Amino acid sequence: VGHGPSPSSSTPGAEQREKQYQAHQGFGDHHGGVTSAHIYFYADEAKCDQHMETFLHCIDASSGSSEDGFSAIKLTALARPQFLVRFSEVLVKWRRFFHQMASEQGQAGWAVLDTKLEVEKLQEALANLGIASKAESQQWFMGENLGTSGTVDLLDWNSLFDSRTKLSRPLLIPNRKTGQLEPLLSRFSEEEELQMKRVLQRMDVLAKRAMEKGVRLMVDAEQSYFQPAISRLTVETQRRFNRSQPIIYNTYQCYLKEAYNNLAGDMELSRREGWHFCTKLVRGAYMEQERERAAQMGYEDPINPNYEKTNEMYHRCLDYVLEEIKHSRKASVMVASHNEDTVKFTLRRMMELGIHPSDKKVCFGQLLGMCDQITFPLGQAGFPVYKYVPYGPVNEVLPYLSRRAQENRGFMQRANRERDLLWKEFKRRLLAGNLFS
């Protein structure tokens, strides 16, 4: 069951991307121009709590209607969209700072998980920038039990984030444009700190209900300027609830240039910490909006240049997860695709890797009312396959469904072809007198 019509990460070094994580009126990442009035804040909080109640009903419905059910949620229904934009901005600044330090150590352009900062050089750089004395930065790494190998990678760096941002004095990092130091959390308010706490509490309530009901919870991906925050909040929930079983699924949009890096980083974290890596892979649903916003705000388009590149990205990400399923068994994937070639690719790779449908590590998903010519044969062949059911107010659901129909016109034509073939076979059998053979 999915929540459709409710109101990801940039490549470091692109100057124009500074604008990507700024709230922009007209793209759903604003809140009526009001940023601090308490009355609006608490009205929004009440609305988020109502959405949480709806999601709880959805989890109950999933549990009652099928075994091993799924329920999909959108975080823009559980948190103020403007907060998600600002939190994304902070996360991206922190990651960008890591890549800036890596560049200074001669590692510009390296693959994310291959980039490792030498701790001694990092401490010198932090001291020279006036960010932290050597004694202070040594305390950072001792406190986090990091740097024992003499290097810090992006996952180590991210684990510093929480403790560093709770310092009594604000953490300063250099602004790449001006060269001046500025607080990492310069735009966070007490209300936004409270919002962080509240959204994690709501996710906690939903995850606990999902566990009780034997339902898996999928957190949908949304626009790229929300996505760093959504992924971070989802990973925090996965770390708590995916210890012994696959409960929480994160979603990766393969039309994003950074899809593979994001997926690989989160998977490596799951390996180090020993929890189940669960993902839904989609191509992506916000391309026109993303491109329009990037053009209006003057940052690099985060979307792959063409459909072929997105296909390559999808299959690369999928293959990486399937390999992990084969080797560790602590990974699961939903192939959420209407593309027949992608489904065939998955079936072939499952056979080659010895992943059996009954393992329930790989499942498939299509929208209700679309691509039944893919869904039904998969189900009949014994594969776990799901129909994604959008719900919401009619005036919001209809535009959502019409967009999906437009995107899937080619697939609908294939459905017509399949119907014609079935009708032809039915008539042949009728005339031959062997209708049921």
Protein backbone atom coordinates (compact mmCIF):
# COMPACT_ATOMS: atom_id res chain seq x y z
CA VAL A 1 0.00 0.00 0.00
CA GLY A 2 1.49 3.34 -0.94
CA HIS A 3 0.95 7.00 -0.24
CA GLY A 4 1.21 8.71 -3.60
CA PRO A 5 0.47 12.38 -3.90
CA SER A 6 1.78 13.87 -0.63
CA PRO A 7 3.68 17.07 -0.71
CA SER A 8 19.40 13.29 -3.62
CA SER A 9 22.62 14.08 -3.21
CA SER A 10 24.79 16.50 -5.15
CA THR A 11 28.24 15.96 -6.60
CA PRO A 12 30.66 17.94 -4.45
CA GLY A 13 32.56 20.81 -6.02
CA ALA A 14 29.88 22.28 -8.27
CA GLU A 15 29.52 25.93 -7.19
CA GLN A 16 26.03 26.36 -8.58
CA ARG A 17 24.75 23.52 -6.40
CA GLU A 18 24.90 25.76 -3.34
CA LYS A 19 21.38 26.76 -4.34
CA GLN A 20 20.03 23.23 -4.54
CA TYR A 21 19.22 22.95 -0.85
CA GLN A 22 17.59 26.36 -0.43
CA ALA A 23 13.84 26.67 0.07
CA HIS A 24 12.12 27.88 -3.07
CA GLN A 25 8.54 29.08 -3.31
CA GLY A 26 6.55 27.27 -5.97
CA PHE A 27 8.28 23.89 -5.69
CA GLY A 28 6.68 22.56 -2.51
CA ASP A 29 9.83 23.25 -0.45
CA HIS A 30 8.48 26.36 1.24
CA HIS A 31 5.83 27.06 3.80
CA GLY A 32 3.86 30.10 2.76
CA GLY A 33 6.78 32.41 3.48
CA VAL A 34 6.40 31.80 7.24
CA THR A 35 9.47 30.44 8.98
CA SER A 36 9.15 31.23 12.68
CA ALA A 37 5.57 31.89 13.79
CA HIS A 38 4.72 29.40 16.54
CA ILE A 39 1.09 29.16 15.53
CA TYR A 40 2.06 27.85 12.08
CA PHE A 41 4.66 25.50 13.55
CA TYR A 42 2.21 23.81 15.89
CA ALA A 43 -0.56 23.69 13.26
CA ASP A 44 1.90 21.86 11.04
CA GLU A 45 2.85 19.52 13.88
CA ALA A 46 -0.82 18.59 14.37
CA LYS A 47 -1.12 17.90 10.63
CA CYS A 48 1.98 15.67 10.72
CA ASP A 49 0.45 13.74 13.64
CA GLN A 50 -2.75 13.25 11.61
CA HIS A 51 -0.69 11.90 8.71
CA MET A 52 1.05 9.51 11.10
CA GLU A 53 -2.36 8.19 12.20
CA THR A 54 -3.29 7.64 8.54
CA PHE A 55 -0.05 5.71 8.02
CA LEU A 56 -0.83 3.57 11.09
CA HIS A 57 -4.21 2.66 9.52
CA CYS A 58 -2.36 1.87 6.30
CA ILE A 59 0.01 -0.51 8.15
CA ASP A 60 -3.00 -2.24 9.74
CA ALA A 61 -4.66 -2.58 6.31
CA SER A 62 -1.48 -4.06 4.80
CA SER A 63 -1.25 -6.56 7.62
CA GLY A 64 -4.87 -7.64 7.16
CA SER A 65 -4.77 -7.98 3.39
CA SER A 66 -1.60 -9.97 2.65
CA GLU A 67 1.25 -11.92 4.14
CA ASP A 68 4.64 -10.19 4.19
CA GLY A 69 2.92 -6.89 3.34
CA PHE A 70 4.46 -3.50 2.68
CA SER A 71 3.32 -0.04 3.64
CA ALA A 72 4.87 3.03 2.01
CA ILE A 73 5.22 6.40 3.72
CA LYS A 74 6.39 9.85 2.64
CA LEU A 75 8.48 11.91 5.03
CA THR A 76 7.14 15.20 3.69
CA ALA A 77 3.90 14.10 5.38
CA LEU A 78 5.70 13.57 8.72
CA ALA A 79 7.91 16.67 8.75
CA ARG A 80 7.69 20.22 7.45
CA PRO A 81 9.13 20.23 3.92
CA GLN A 82 11.08 23.41 4.71
CA PHE A 83 12.80 21.65 7.61
CA LEU A 84 13.80 18.79 5.29
CA VAL A 85 15.34 21.28 2.84
CA ARG A 86 17.36 22.94 5.61
CA PHE A 87 18.50 19.66 7.15
CA SER A 88 19.54 18.49 3.67
CA GLU A 89 21.55 21.69 3.27
CA VAL A 90 23.45 21.00 6.50
CA LEU A 91 24.17 17.36 5.57
CA VAL A 92 25.42 18.35 2.12
CA LYS A 93 27.63 21.12 3.58
CA TRP A 94 29.21 18.58 5.94
CA ARG A 95 29.81 16.09 3.12
CA ARG A 96 31.18 18.85 0.88
CA PHE A 97 33.62 19.84 3.63
CA PHE A 98 34.91 16.23 3.69
CA HIS A 99 35.53 16.33 -0.08
CA GLN A 100 37.23 19.71 0.28
CA MET A 101 39.65 18.19 2.81
CA ALA A 102 40.13 15.18 0.49
CA SER A 103 40.92 17.49 -2.42
CA GLU A 104 43.62 19.17 -0.34
CA GLN A 105 45.09 15.71 0.31
CA GLY A 106 45.26 15.01 -3.43
CA GLN A 107 42.13 12.82 -3.62
CA ALA A 108 39.86 15.01 -5.76
CA GLY A 109 37.40 12.99 -7.84
CA TRP A 110 38.07 9.67 -6.09
CA ALA A 111 35.25 7.15 -5.61
CA VAL A 112 33.38 7.89 -2.38
CA LEU A 113 34.41 4.77 -0.44
CA ASP A 114 38.01 4.95 -1.69
CA THR A 115 38.47 8.47 -0.31
CA LYS A 116 40.27 8.32 3.04
CA LEU A 117 41.64 11.35 4.88
CA GLU A 118 44.93 10.95 6.75
CA VAL A 119 44.11 11.92 10.33
CA GLU A 120 47.38 13.80 10.98
CA LYS A 121 47.02 15.92 7.83
CA LEU A 122 43.33 16.49 8.64
CA GLN A 123 44.19 17.71 12.16
CA GLU A 124 46.79 20.10 10.74
CA ALA A 125 44.28 21.46 8.22
CA LEU A 126 41.62 21.96 10.93
CA ALA A 127 44.16 23.79 13.09
CA ASN A 128 45.36 25.97 10.20
CA LEU A 129 41.76 26.91 9.34
CA GLY A 130 41.11 27.85 12.96
CA ILE A 131 38.32 25.28 13.26
CA ALA A 132 39.85 23.12 16.02
CA SER A 133 43.20 22.90 17.76
CA LYS A 134 45.14 19.65 17.48
CA ALA A 135 44.14 18.75 21.06
CA GLU A 136 40.44 19.39 20.28
CA SER A 137 40.43 17.38 17.06
CA GLN A 138 42.29 14.50 18.75
CA GLN A 139 39.46 14.47 21.26
CA TRP A 140 36.97 14.24 18.38
CA PHE A 141 38.53 11.05 17.08
CA MET A 142 39.18 9.50 20.49
CA GLY A 143 35.59 10.18 21.56
CA GLU A 144 34.23 8.45 18.46
CA ASN A 145 36.83 5.67 18.48
CA LEU A 146 37.83 6.82 14.99
CA GLY A 147 41.10 7.29 13.26
CA THR A 148 42.61 4.16 14.84
CA SER A 149 43.62 3.13 11.31
CA GLY A 150 45.17 6.55 10.75
CA THR A 151 42.50 7.43 8.17
CA VAL A 152 38.91 8.70 8.14
CA ASP A 153 36.48 7.83 5.33
CA LEU A 154 33.10 9.43 4.61
CA LEU A 155 31.21 7.05 6.91
CA ASP A 156 33.57 7.86 9.80
CA TRP A 157 33.19 11.53 8.95
CA ASN A 158 29.38 11.28 9.00
CA SER A 159 29.48 9.59 12.40
CA LEU A 160 31.29 12.67 13.73
CA PHE A 161 28.35 14.81 12.64
CA ASP A 162 26.05 14.32 15.64
CA SER A 163 28.65 14.77 18.36
CA ARG A 164 30.35 17.74 16.65
CA THR A 165 27.07 19.61 16.18
CA LYS A 166 26.28 19.28 19.91
CA LEU A 167 29.38 21.27 20.93
CA SER A 168 28.83 24.25 23.21
CA ARG A 169 30.28 26.57 20.56
CA PRO A 170 29.03 26.26 16.99
CA LEU A 171 31.10 24.19 14.60
CA LEU A 172 32.61 26.47 11.97
CA ILE A 173 33.44 25.29 8.47
CA PRO A 174 34.86 27.28 5.54
CA ASN A 175 32.52 28.74 2.93
CA ARG A 176 34.05 27.71 -0.42
CA LYS A 177 32.92 30.91 -2.13
CA THR A 178 34.15 33.46 0.41
CA GLY A 179 36.88 31.49 2.21
CA GLN A 180 35.38 32.71 5.50
CA LEU A 181 34.43 30.42 8.35
CA GLU A 182 30.72 30.15 9.07
CA PRO A 183 28.64 28.02 11.48
CA LEU A 184 27.52 24.71 10.00
CA LEU A 185 24.15 25.07 11.73
CA SER A 186 23.75 28.79 11.10
CA ARG A 187 20.16 28.38 9.93
CA PHE A 188 18.86 25.82 12.46
CA SER A 189 16.42 27.08 15.08
CA GLU A 190 15.07 25.58 18.29
CA GLU A 191 11.88 24.75 16.41
CA GLU A 192 13.88 22.83 13.81
CA GLU A 193 15.72 20.91 16.56
CA LEU A 194 12.30 20.05 17.95
CA GLN A 195 11.11 19.06 14.46
CA MET A 196 14.04 16.62 14.18
CA LYS A 197 13.05 15.01 17.46
CA ARG A 198 9.37 14.84 16.49
CA VAL A 199 9.90 13.29 13.03
CA LEU A 200 12.17 10.59 14.51
CA GLN A 201 9.51 9.88 17.15
CA ARG A 202 6.84 9.51 14.44
CA MET A 203 9.03 7.14 12.46
CA ASP A 204 9.66 5.19 15.66
CA VAL A 205 5.91 4.80 16.27
CA LEU A 206 5.35 3.63 12.68
CA ALA A 207 8.29 1.20 12.73
CA LYS A 208 7.11 -0.37 15.99
CA ARG A 209 3.58 -0.84 14.61
CA ALA A 210 5.02 -2.36 11.41
CA MET A 211 7.07 -4.85 13.48
CA GLU A 212 4.03 -5.80 15.55
CA LYS A 213 1.91 -6.36 12.44
CA GLY A 214 4.54 -8.21 10.37
CA VAL A 215 4.59 -5.43 7.77
CA ARG A 216 7.65 -3.90 6.13
CA LEU A 217 7.85 -0.12 5.95
CA MET A 218 9.09 1.57 2.77
CA VAL A 219 10.17 5.19 2.99
CA ASP A 220 9.53 6.72 -0.43
CA ALA A 221 12.12 8.90 -2.12
CA GLU A 222 11.12 12.45 -2.96
CA GLN A 223 12.66 15.50 -4.64
CA SER A 224 16.47 15.68 -4.53
CA TYR A 225 16.47 18.81 -2.35
CA PHE A 226 14.65 16.84 0.39
CA GLN A 227 16.43 13.55 -0.19
CA PRO A 228 19.64 13.85 1.89
CA ALA A 229 17.50 14.50 4.99
CA ILE A 230 15.01 11.76 4.12
CA SER A 231 17.79 9.21 3.58
CA ARG A 232 19.56 10.20 6.80
CA LEU A 233 16.38 9.89 8.87
CA THR A 234 15.57 6.54 7.21
CA VAL A 235 19.06 5.15 7.85
CA GLU A 236 18.79 6.19 11.51
CA THR A 237 15.54 4.17 11.70
CA GLN A 238 17.12 1.21 9.84
CA ARG A 239 20.00 1.14 12.35
CA ARG A 240 17.46 0.63 15.15
CA PHE A 241 14.89 -1.68 13.57
CA ASN A 242 16.79 -3.75 10.96
CA ARG A 243 19.09 -5.48 13.46
CA SER A 244 17.48 -8.91 13.34
CA GLN A 245 15.06 -8.71 10.40
CA PRO A 246 14.40 -6.62 7.28
CA ILE A 247 11.74 -4.08 8.34
CA ILE A 248 12.64 -0.60 7.04
CA TYR A 249 13.30 -0.07 3.32
CA ASN A 250 15.03 3.03 1.94
CA THR A 251 14.35 4.12 -1.65
CA TYR A 252 17.01 5.03 -4.23
CA GLN A 253 16.08 6.95 -7.39
CA CYS A 254 18.24 5.73 -10.23
CA TYR A 255 17.66 8.78 -12.41
CA LEU A 256 19.92 10.68 -9.97
CA LYS A 257 23.59 10.98 -10.91
CA GLU A 258 24.53 10.18 -7.30
CA ALA A 259 22.30 7.10 -6.90
CA TYR A 260 25.08 4.49 -6.88
CA ASN A 261 27.33 6.47 -4.50
CA ASN A 262 24.44 6.96 -2.08
CA LEU A 263 23.43 3.30 -2.18
CA ALA A 264 27.03 2.01 -1.87
CA GLY A 265 27.71 4.26 1.13
CA ASP A 266 24.59 3.16 3.00
CA MET A 267 25.26 -0.50 2.21
CA GLU A 268 28.81 -0.24 3.56
CA LEU A 269 27.44 1.31 6.77
CA SER A 270 25.02 -1.63 7.13
CA ARG A 271 27.94 -4.07 6.75
CA ARG A 272 30.02 -2.33 9.41
CA GLU A 273 27.14 -2.13 11.87
CA GLY A 274 25.57 -5.50 11.07
CA TRP A 275 22.01 -4.54 10.17
CA HIS A 276 19.86 -5.61 7.20
CA PHE A 277 20.24 -3.40 4.12
CA CYS A 278 16.78 -3.08 2.54
CA THR A 279 16.06 -1.01 -0.52
CA LYS A 280 13.41 -0.22 -3.06
CA LEU A 281 14.88 0.75 -6.43
CA VAL A 282 12.92 3.12 -8.66
CA ARG A 283 13.82 5.12 -11.72
CA GLY A 284 12.32 8.34 -10.32
CA ALA A 285 9.15 10.40 -10.59
CA TYR A 286 10.09 14.08 -10.40
CA MET A 287 12.24 14.66 -13.48
CA GLU A 288 10.38 17.63 -14.98
CA GLN A 289 10.08 19.38 -11.62
CA GLU A 290 13.76 18.75 -10.80
CA ARG A 291 14.95 20.14 -14.13
CA GLU A 292 12.68 23.18 -13.97
CA ARG A 293 13.86 24.00 -10.44
CA ALA A 294 17.55 23.51 -11.34
CA ALA A 295 17.15 25.86 -14.32
CA GLN A 296 15.30 28.51 -12.29
CA MET A 297 17.74 28.44 -9.36
CA GLY A 298 20.90 28.02 -11.43
CA TYR A 299 22.39 24.75 -10.13
CA GLU A 300 23.45 21.63 -12.00
CA ASP A 301 20.67 19.27 -13.06
CA PRO A 302 20.86 16.31 -10.62
CA ILE A 303 19.19 13.94 -13.13
CA ASN A 304 21.00 11.62 -15.53
CA PRO A 305 21.13 13.10 -19.05
CA ASN A 306 19.00 10.40 -20.74
CA TYR A 307 16.93 7.27 -20.21
CA GLU A 308 19.80 4.96 -21.25
CA LYS A 309 22.03 6.38 -18.49
CA THR A 310 19.22 5.90 -15.99
CA ASN A 311 18.80 2.28 -17.16
CA GLU A 312 22.55 1.71 -16.69
CA MET A 313 22.37 3.23 -13.20
CA TYR A 314 19.35 1.09 -12.27
CA HIS A 315 21.02 -2.13 -13.39
CA ARG A 316 24.32 -1.17 -11.73
CA CYS A 317 22.61 -0.49 -8.38
CA LEU A 318 20.46 -3.62 -8.69
CA ASP A 319 23.42 -5.83 -9.52
CA TYR A 320 25.32 -4.45 -6.50
CA VAL A 321 22.42 -5.36 -4.17
CA LEU A 322 21.96 -8.81 -5.74
CA GLU A 323 25.68 -9.55 -5.22
CA GLU A 324 25.29 -8.51 -1.57
CA ILE A 325 22.26 -10.82 -1.19
CA LYS A 326 24.32 -13.71 -2.54
CA HIS A 327 27.32 -13.05 -0.27
CA SER A 328 25.80 -11.83 3.01
CA ARG A 329 22.06 -12.69 2.90
CA LYS A 330 21.54 -9.49 5.00
CA ALA A 331 20.13 -7.51 2.09
CA SER A 332 16.72 -7.32 0.41
CA VAL A 333 15.45 -5.44 -2.61
CA MET A 334 12.14 -4.47 -4.15
CA VAL A 335 12.50 -4.04 -7.91
CA ALA A 336 9.86 -1.35 -8.40
CA SER A 337 9.80 -1.18 -12.17
CA HIS A 338 7.42 -1.28 -15.13
CA ASN A 339 10.31 -2.02 -17.48
CA GLU A 340 10.21 -5.54 -18.93
CA ASP A 341 13.96 -5.52 -19.68
CA THR A 342 14.74 -4.68 -16.04
CA VAL A 343 12.52 -7.53 -14.82
CA LYS A 344 14.22 -9.96 -17.25
CA PHE A 345 17.65 -8.68 -16.14
CA THR A 346 16.69 -9.35 -12.49
CA LEU A 347 15.43 -12.88 -13.21
CA ARG A 348 18.58 -13.74 -15.17
CA ARG A 349 20.92 -12.42 -12.46
CA MET A 350 18.95 -14.21 -9.74
CA MET A 351 19.41 -17.48 -11.64
CA GLU A 352 23.14 -16.84 -12.18
CA LEU A 353 23.68 -15.96 -8.50
CA GLY A 354 21.56 -18.81 -7.15
CA ILE A 355 18.96 -16.55 -5.48
CA HIS A 356 15.66 -18.46 -5.30
CA PRO A 357 12.23 -16.73 -5.31
CA SER A 358 11.32 -18.56 -2.07
CA ASP A 359 14.23 -16.77 -0.32
CA LYS A 360 12.01 -13.66 -0.45
CA LYS A 361 15.13 -11.49 -0.70
CA VAL A 362 14.01 -10.09 -4.07
CA CYS A 363 10.46 -8.91 -4.73
CA PHE A 364 8.83 -6.89 -7.48
CA GLY A 365 6.37 -4.00 -7.46
CA GLN A 366 4.12 -2.31 -10.01
CA LEU A 367 1.38 0.28 -9.70
CA LEU A 368 -2.18 -0.97 -9.33
CA GLY A 369 -3.86 -1.01 -12.73
CA MET A 370 -0.59 -0.85 -14.65
CA CYS A 371 1.63 -3.51 -16.19
CA ASP A 372 -0.47 -6.52 -15.22
CA GLN A 373 1.28 -8.34 -18.08
CA ILE A 374 4.41 -8.17 -15.88
CA THR A 375 2.79 -8.61 -12.45
CA PHE A 376 0.65 -11.70 -13.05
CA PRO A 377 3.26 -13.92 -14.77
CA LEU A 378 5.72 -13.10 -11.96
CA GLY A 379 3.17 -14.06 -9.32
CA GLN A 380 2.23 -17.25 -11.15
CA ALA A 381 5.91 -18.18 -11.38
CA GLY A 382 6.22 -17.95 -7.58
CA PHE A 383 7.95 -14.57 -7.22
CA PRO A 384 6.87 -12.19 -4.44
CA VAL A 385 5.15 -9.40 -6.38
CA TYR A 386 3.18 -6.42 -5.06
CA LYS A 387 0.75 -3.85 -6.38
CA TYR A 388 1.43 -0.31 -5.17
CA VAL A 389 -1.86 1.33 -4.18
CA PRO A 390 -1.83 5.16 -4.15
CA TYR A 391 -4.36 6.79 -1.84
CA GLY A 392 -5.34 10.28 -0.77
CA PRO A 393 -7.85 13.02 -1.62
CA VAL A 394 -9.36 12.52 -5.09
CA ASN A 395 -8.20 15.94 -6.35
CA GLU A 396 -4.61 14.96 -5.46
CA VAL A 397 -4.72 11.32 -6.53
CA LEU A 398 -6.11 11.94 -10.03
CA PRO A 399 -3.24 14.21 -11.20
CA TYR A 400 -0.79 11.69 -9.72
CA LEU A 401 -2.39 8.81 -11.62
CA SER A 402 -2.61 10.79 -14.87
CA ARG A 403 1.14 11.52 -14.63
CA ARG A 404 1.84 7.82 -14.11
CA ALA A 405 -0.39 6.99 -17.09
CA GLN A 406 1.48 9.49 -19.29
CA GLU A 407 4.85 8.10 -18.20
CA ASN A 408 3.67 4.57 -18.94
CA ARG A 409 2.01 5.10 -22.31
CA GLY A 410 4.54 2.77 -23.96
CA PHE A 411 3.82 0.07 -21.40
CA MET A 412 0.08 0.49 -21.86
CA GLN A 413 0.57 -0.12 -25.59
CA ARG A 414 2.39 -3.34 -24.72
CA ALA A 415 -0.55 -4.31 -22.51
CA ASN A 416 -2.85 -3.81 -25.50
CA ARG A 417 -0.57 -6.04 -27.57
CA GLU A 418 -0.70 -8.72 -24.89
CA ARG A 419 -4.51 -8.49 -24.74
CA ASP A 420 -4.71 -8.93 -28.54
CA LEU A 421 -2.45 -11.99 -28.37
CA LEU A 422 -4.54 -13.53 -25.57
CA TRP A 423 -7.75 -12.92 -27.56
CA LYS A 424 -6.20 -14.50 -30.65
CA GLU A 425 -5.15 -17.58 -28.62
CA PHE A 426 -8.61 -17.82 -27.02
CA LYS A 427 -10.28 -17.87 -30.46
CA ARG A 428 -7.79 -20.45 -31.79
CA ARG A 429 -8.50 -22.79 -28.85
CA LEU A 430 -12.26 -22.27 -29.13
CA LEU A 431 -12.22 -23.23 -32.81
CA ALA A 432 -9.92 -26.19 -32.14
CA GLY A 433 -12.14 -27.43 -29.31
CA ASN A 434 -9.36 -27.50 -26.70
CA LEU A 435 -10.13 -24.39 -24.66
CA PHE A 436 -8.59 -25.58 -21.37
CA SER A 437 -5.63 -27.60 -22.57
